[in-house]
PDB file of N, CA and C in Angstrom:
ATOM      1  N   UNK A   1       1.137  -1.100   0.541  1.00  0.00           N
ATOM      2  CA  UNK A   1       0.328  -0.026   0.171  1.00  0.00           C
ATOM      3  C   UNK A   1       1.140   1.457  -0.768  1.00  0.00           C
ATOM      4  N   UNK A   2       0.811   2.313  -1.240  1.00  0.00           N
ATOM      5  CA  UNK A   2       1.387   3.255  -1.342  1.00  0.00           C
ATOM      6  C   UNK A   2       0.506   4.337   0.005  1.00  0.00           C
ATOM      7  N   UNK A   3       1.819   5.034   0.906  1.00  0.00           N
ATOM      8  CA  UNK A   3       1.402   5.828   1.880  1.00  0.00           C
ATOM      9  C   UNK A   3       2.223   7.206   0.738  1.00  0.00           C
ATOM     10  N   UNK A   4       1.702   8.194   0.578  1.00  0.00           N
ATOM     11  CA  UNK A   4       1.572   9.519   0.595  1.00  0.00           C
ATOM     12  C   UNK A   4       2.619  10.210   1.872  1.00  0.00           C
ATOM     13  N   UNK A   5       3.341  11.147   1.565  1.00  0.00           N
ATOM     14  CA  UNK A   5       3.943  12.203   2.464  1.00  0.00           C
ATOM     15  C   UNK A   5       3.464  13.371   2.773  1.00  0.00           C
ATOM     16  N   UNK A   6       2.851  13.743   4.073  1.00  0.00           N
ATOM     17  CA  UNK A   6       2.340  15.004   4.110  1.00  0.00           C
ATOM     18  C   UNK A   6       3.039  16.068   4.440  1.00  0.00           C
ATOM     19  N   UNK A   7       3.255  17.176   3.374  1.00  0.00           N
ATOM     20  CA  UNK A   7       4.174  17.808   3.179  1.00  0.00           C
ATOM     21  C   UNK A   7       4.552  18.960   4.185  1.00  0.00           C
ATOM     22  N   UNK A   8       3.697  18.756   4.844  1.00  0.00           N
ATOM     23  CA  UNK A   8       3.301  20.189   5.924  1.00  0.00           C
ATOM     24  C   UNK A   8       4.484  19.355   7.532  1.00  0.00           C
ATOM     25  N   UNK A   9       3.266  18.350   7.922  1.00  0.00           N
ATOM     26  CA  UNK A   9       4.231  17.323   9.056  1.00  0.00           C
ATOM     27  C   UNK A   9       4.994  16.491   8.845  1.00  0.00           C
ATOM     28  N   UNK A  10       5.254  16.114   7.956  1.00  0.00           N
ATOM     29  CA  UNK A  10       6.175  14.729   7.166  1.00  0.00           C
ATOM     30  C   UNK A  10       5.000  13.504   7.974  1.00  0.00           C
ATOM     31  N   UNK A  11       4.108  13.481   7.991  1.00  0.00           N
ATOM     32  CA  UNK A  11       3.347  11.765   8.560  1.00  0.00           C
ATOM     33  C   UNK A  11       3.009  11.300   6.861  1.00  0.00           C
ATOM     34  N   UNK A  12       3.256  10.080   7.506  1.00  0.00           N
ATOM     35  CA  UNK A  12       2.912   9.486   6.517  1.00  0.00           C
ATOM     36  C   UNK A  12       1.080   9.000   6.244  1.00  0.00           C
ATOM     37  N   UNK A  13       0.852   9.703   5.293  1.00  0.00           N
ATOM     38  CA  UNK A  13      -0.673   9.823   4.899  1.00  0.00           C
ATOM     39  C   UNK A  13      -1.573   8.282   4.104  1.00  0.00           C
ATOM     40  N   UNK A  14      -2.050   7.976   4.413  1.00  0.00           N
ATOM     41  CA  UNK A  14      -3.152   6.978   3.242  1.00  0.00           C
ATOM     42  C   UNK A  14      -3.982   7.557   2.435  1.00  0.00           C
ATOM     43  N   UNK A  15      -3.635   7.184   0.896  1.00  0.00           N
ATOM     44  CA  UNK A  15      -4.057   8.327  -0.087  1.00  0.00           C
ATOM     45  C   UNK A  15      -5.597   7.896   0.474  1.00  0.00           C
ATOM     46  N   UNK A  16      -5.631   7.012   0.633  1.00  0.00           N
ATOM     47  CA  UNK A  16      -7.236   6.651   0.367  1.00  0.00           C
ATOM     48  C   UNK A  16      -8.104   7.701   1.506  1.00  0.00           C
ATOM     49  N   UNK A  17      -7.468   7.699   2.213  1.00  0.00           N
ATOM     50  CA  UNK A  17      -7.922   8.123   3.841  1.00  0.00           C
ATOM     51  C   UNK A  17      -7.536   9.744   3.860  1.00  0.00           C
ATOM     52  N   UNK A  18      -6.821  10.283   3.216  1.00  0.00           N
ATOM     53  CA  UNK A  18      -6.188  11.539   3.613  1.00  0.00           C
ATOM     54  C   UNK A  18      -7.696  12.465   4.199  1.00  0.00           C
ATOM     55  N   UNK A  19      -6.970  13.095   5.107  1.00  0.00           N
ATOM     56  CA  UNK A  19      -8.222  14.412   5.281  1.00  0.00           C
ATOM     57  C   UNK A  19      -8.660  15.214   4.433  1.00  0.00           C
ATOM     58  N   UNK A  20      -7.765  15.768   3.558  1.00  0.00           N
ATOM     59  CA  UNK A  20      -7.346  16.478   2.494  1.00  0.00           C
ATOM     60  C   UNK A  20      -6.151  16.729   1.607  1.00  0.00           C
ATOM     61  N   UNK A  21      -6.587  16.853   0.624  1.00  0.00           N
ATOM     62  CA  UNK A  21      -5.801  16.815  -0.332  1.00  0.00           C
ATOM     63  C   UNK A  21      -5.724  18.216  -1.495  1.00  0.00           C
ATOM     64  N   UNK A  22      -4.371  18.213  -1.800  1.00  0.00           N
ATOM     65  CA  UNK A  22      -4.251  19.770  -2.827  1.00  0.00           C
ATOM     66  C   UNK A  22      -3.193  19.513  -4.213  1.00  0.00           C
ATOM     67  N   UNK A  23      -3.847  20.156  -5.625  1.00  0.00           N
ATOM     68  CA  UNK A  23      -3.213  19.707  -6.279  1.00  0.00           C
ATOM     69  C   UNK A  23      -2.158  21.406  -6.440  1.00  0.00           C
ATOM     70  N   UNK A  24      -1.117  21.185  -6.607  1.00  0.00           N
ATOM     71  CA  UNK A  24      -0.193  21.919  -6.885  1.00  0.00           C
ATOM     72  C   UNK A  24       1.086  21.663  -7.934  1.00  0.00           C
ATOM     73  N   UNK A  25       0.961  22.875  -9.511  1.00  0.00           N
ATOM     74  CA  UNK A  25       1.777  22.192 -10.285  1.00  0.00           C
ATOM     75  C   UNK A  25       1.717  20.871 -10.711  1.00  0.00           C
ATOM     76  N   UNK A  26       0.685  20.147 -10.838  1.00  0.00           N
ATOM     77  CA  UNK A  26       0.356  18.874 -11.465  1.00  0.00           C
ATOM     78  C   UNK A  26       0.531  17.785 -10.643  1.00  0.00           C
ATOM     79  N   UNK A  27       1.003  18.249  -9.101  1.00  0.00           N
ATOM     80  CA  UNK A  27       0.945  16.748  -8.696  1.00  0.00           C
ATOM     81  C   UNK A  27       0.032  16.692  -7.533  1.00  0.00           C
ATOM     82  N   UNK A  28      -0.532  16.155  -7.118  1.00  0.00           N
ATOM     83  CA  UNK A  28      -1.300  15.756  -5.385  1.00  0.00           C
ATOM     84  C   UNK A  28      -0.495  15.652  -4.016  1.00  0.00           C
ATOM     85  N   UNK A  29      -1.054  16.237  -3.472  1.00  0.00           N
ATOM     86  CA  UNK A  29      -0.357  16.689  -2.300  1.00  0.00           C
ATOM     87  C   UNK A  29      -1.338  15.995  -1.023  1.00  0.00           C
ATOM     88  N   UNK A  30      -1.338  14.809  -0.042  1.00  0.00           N
ATOM     89  CA  UNK A  30      -1.829  14.546   0.672  1.00  0.00           C
ATOM     90  C   UNK A  30      -1.693  14.864   2.349  1.00  0.00           C
ATOM     91  N   UNK A  31      -2.791  15.180   3.076  1.00  0.00           N
ATOM     92  CA  UNK A  31      -2.506  15.847   3.981  1.00  0.00           C
ATOM     93  C   UNK A  31      -3.513  15.157   5.673  1.00  0.00           C
ATOM     94  N   UNK A  32      -2.790  14.973   6.405  1.00  0.00           N
ATOM     95  CA  UNK A  32      -3.889  14.459   7.296  1.00  0.00           C
ATOM     96  C   UNK A  32      -4.507  14.889   8.187  1.00  0.00           C
ATOM     97  N   UNK A  33      -4.524  15.990   7.738  1.00  0.00           N
ATOM     98  CA  UNK A  33      -5.655  17.321   8.136  1.00  0.00           C
ATOM     99  C   UNK A  33      -6.251  18.645   7.756  1.00  0.00           C
ATOM    100  N   UNK A  34      -6.694  19.010   7.999  1.00  0.00           N
ATOM    101  CA  UNK A  34      -6.749  20.085   7.026  1.00  0.00           C
ATOM    102  C   UNK A  34      -6.396  21.195   7.301  1.00  0.00           C
ATOM    103  N   UNK A  35      -5.764  21.004   8.953  1.00  0.00           N
ATOM    104  CA  UNK A  35      -5.251  22.845   8.923  1.00  0.00           C
ATOM    105  C   UNK A  35      -3.641  22.864   8.125  1.00  0.00           C
ATOM    106  N   UNK A  36      -3.501  21.243   8.197  1.00  0.00           N
ATOM    107  CA  UNK A  36      -1.743  20.671   7.478  1.00  0.00           C
ATOM    108  C   UNK A  36      -2.116  21.243   5.554  1.00  0.00           C
ATOM    109  N   UNK A  37      -3.022  21.391   5.195  1.00  0.00           N
ATOM    110  CA  UNK A  37      -3.705  21.417   3.935  1.00  0.00           C
ATOM    111  C   UNK A  37      -3.398  23.419   3.040  1.00  0.00           C
ATOM    112  N   UNK A  38      -4.424  23.583   4.714  1.00  0.00           N
ATOM    113  CA  UNK A  38      -4.763  25.497   4.790  1.00  0.00           C
ATOM    114  C   UNK A  38      -3.496  25.720   4.768  1.00  0.00           C
ATOM    115  N   UNK A  39      -2.111  25.036   5.936  1.00  0.00           N
ATOM    116  CA  UNK A  39      -0.683  26.192   5.939  1.00  0.00           C
ATOM    117  C   UNK A  39       0.066  25.580   4.603  1.00  0.00           C
ATOM    118  N   UNK A  40      -0.753  24.406   3.738  1.00  0.00           N
ATOM    119  CA  UNK A  40       0.099  23.838   2.449  1.00  0.00           C
ATOM    120  C   UNK A  40      -0.548  25.059   1.306  1.00  0.00           C
ATOM    121  N   UNK A  41      -1.745  25.089   1.143  1.00  0.00           N
ATOM    122  CA  UNK A  41      -2.249  26.062   0.053  1.00  0.00           C
ATOM    123  C   UNK A  41      -1.811  27.944   0.603  1.00  0.00           C
ATOM    124  N   UNK A  42      -1.484  28.060   1.444  1.00  0.00           N
ATOM    125  CA  UNK A  42      -1.085  29.155   2.286  1.00  0.00           C
ATOM    126  C   UNK A  42       0.170  29.916   1.720  1.00  0.00           C
ATOM    127  N   UNK A  43       1.214  28.380   1.484  1.00  0.00           N
ATOM    128  CA  UNK A  43       2.484  28.892   1.310  1.00  0.00           C
ATOM    129  C   UNK A  43       3.187  27.642   1.198  1.00  0.00           C
ATOM    130  N   UNK A  44       3.013  26.950  -0.142  1.00  0.00           N
ATOM    131  CA  UNK A  44       3.599  25.901  -0.828  1.00  0.00           C
ATOM    132  C   UNK A  44       5.432  25.451  -0.585  1.00  0.00           C
ATOM    133  N   UNK A  45       5.493  26.730  -1.517  1.00  0.00           N
ATOM    134  CA  UNK A  45       7.081  26.752  -1.716  1.00  0.00           C
ATOM    135  C   UNK A  45       8.171  26.292  -0.103  1.00  0.00           C
ATOM    136  N   UNK A  46       7.038  26.964   1.164  1.00  0.00           N
ATOM    137  CA  UNK A  46       7.910  26.855   2.440  1.00  0.00           C
ATOM    138  C   UNK A  46       8.280  25.313   2.761  1.00  0.00           C
ATOM    139  N   UNK A  47       7.304  24.465   1.930  1.00  0.00           N
ATOM    140  CA  UNK A  47       6.935  23.214   2.668  1.00  0.00           C
ATOM    141  C   UNK A  47       7.552  22.266   1.661  1.00  0.00           C
ATOM    142  N   UNK A  48       7.974  22.922   0.421  1.00  0.00           N
ATOM    143  CA  UNK A  48       8.254  22.065  -0.826  1.00  0.00           C
ATOM    144  C   UNK A  48       9.953  22.353  -0.978  1.00  0.00           C
ATOM    145  N   UNK A  49      10.332  22.962  -0.336  1.00  0.00           N
ATOM    146  CA  UNK A  49      11.703  22.688  -0.240  1.00  0.00           C
ATOM    147  C   UNK A  49      12.463  22.206   0.717  1.00  0.00           C
ATOM    148  N   UNK A  50      13.144  21.405  -0.349  1.00  0.00           N
ATOM    149  CA  UNK A  50      13.574  20.096   0.558  1.00  0.00           C
ATOM    150  C   UNK A  50      12.805  19.249   1.597  1.00  0.00           C
ATOM    151  N   UNK A  51      11.175  19.938   1.221  1.00  0.00           N
ATOM    152  CA  UNK A  51      10.794  18.599   2.072  1.00  0.00           C
ATOM    153  C   UNK A  51      10.055  17.928   1.205  1.00  0.00           C
ATOM    154  N   UNK A  52      10.078  17.899  -0.473  1.00  0.00           N
ATOM    155  CA  UNK A  52       9.916  16.436  -0.886  1.00  0.00           C
ATOM    156  C   UNK A  52      11.102  15.757  -1.413  1.00  0.00           C
ATOM    157  N   UNK A  53      11.996  16.016  -1.298  1.00  0.00           N
ATOM    158  CA  UNK A  53      13.886  15.622  -1.040  1.00  0.00           C
ATOM    159  C   UNK A  53      13.558  14.233  -0.464  1.00  0.00           C
ATOM    160  N   UNK A  54      13.410  13.147  -1.467  1.00  0.00           N
ATOM    161  CA  UNK A  54      14.346  11.957  -0.347  1.00  0.00           C
ATOM    162  C   UNK A  54      15.673  11.445  -0.803  1.00  0.00           C
ATOM    163  N   UNK A  55      16.034  11.127   0.442  1.00  0.00           N
ATOM    164  CA  UNK A  55      17.680  11.280   0.156  1.00  0.00           C
ATOM    165  C   UNK A  55      17.440   9.792   0.263  1.00  0.00           C
TER     166      UNK A  55
END
């Protein structure tokens, strides 16, 4: 089962059960809570700088 990473809090989120999701630059991001989506929507670049980089 594929888990998405909440870009705001870095939690693993089940895409089918995500509390919220947001489309940004052609990619869908999933969130554990509506509050995380609101924070992301207000400033996506803040969370994507380094946040989406997998080491």
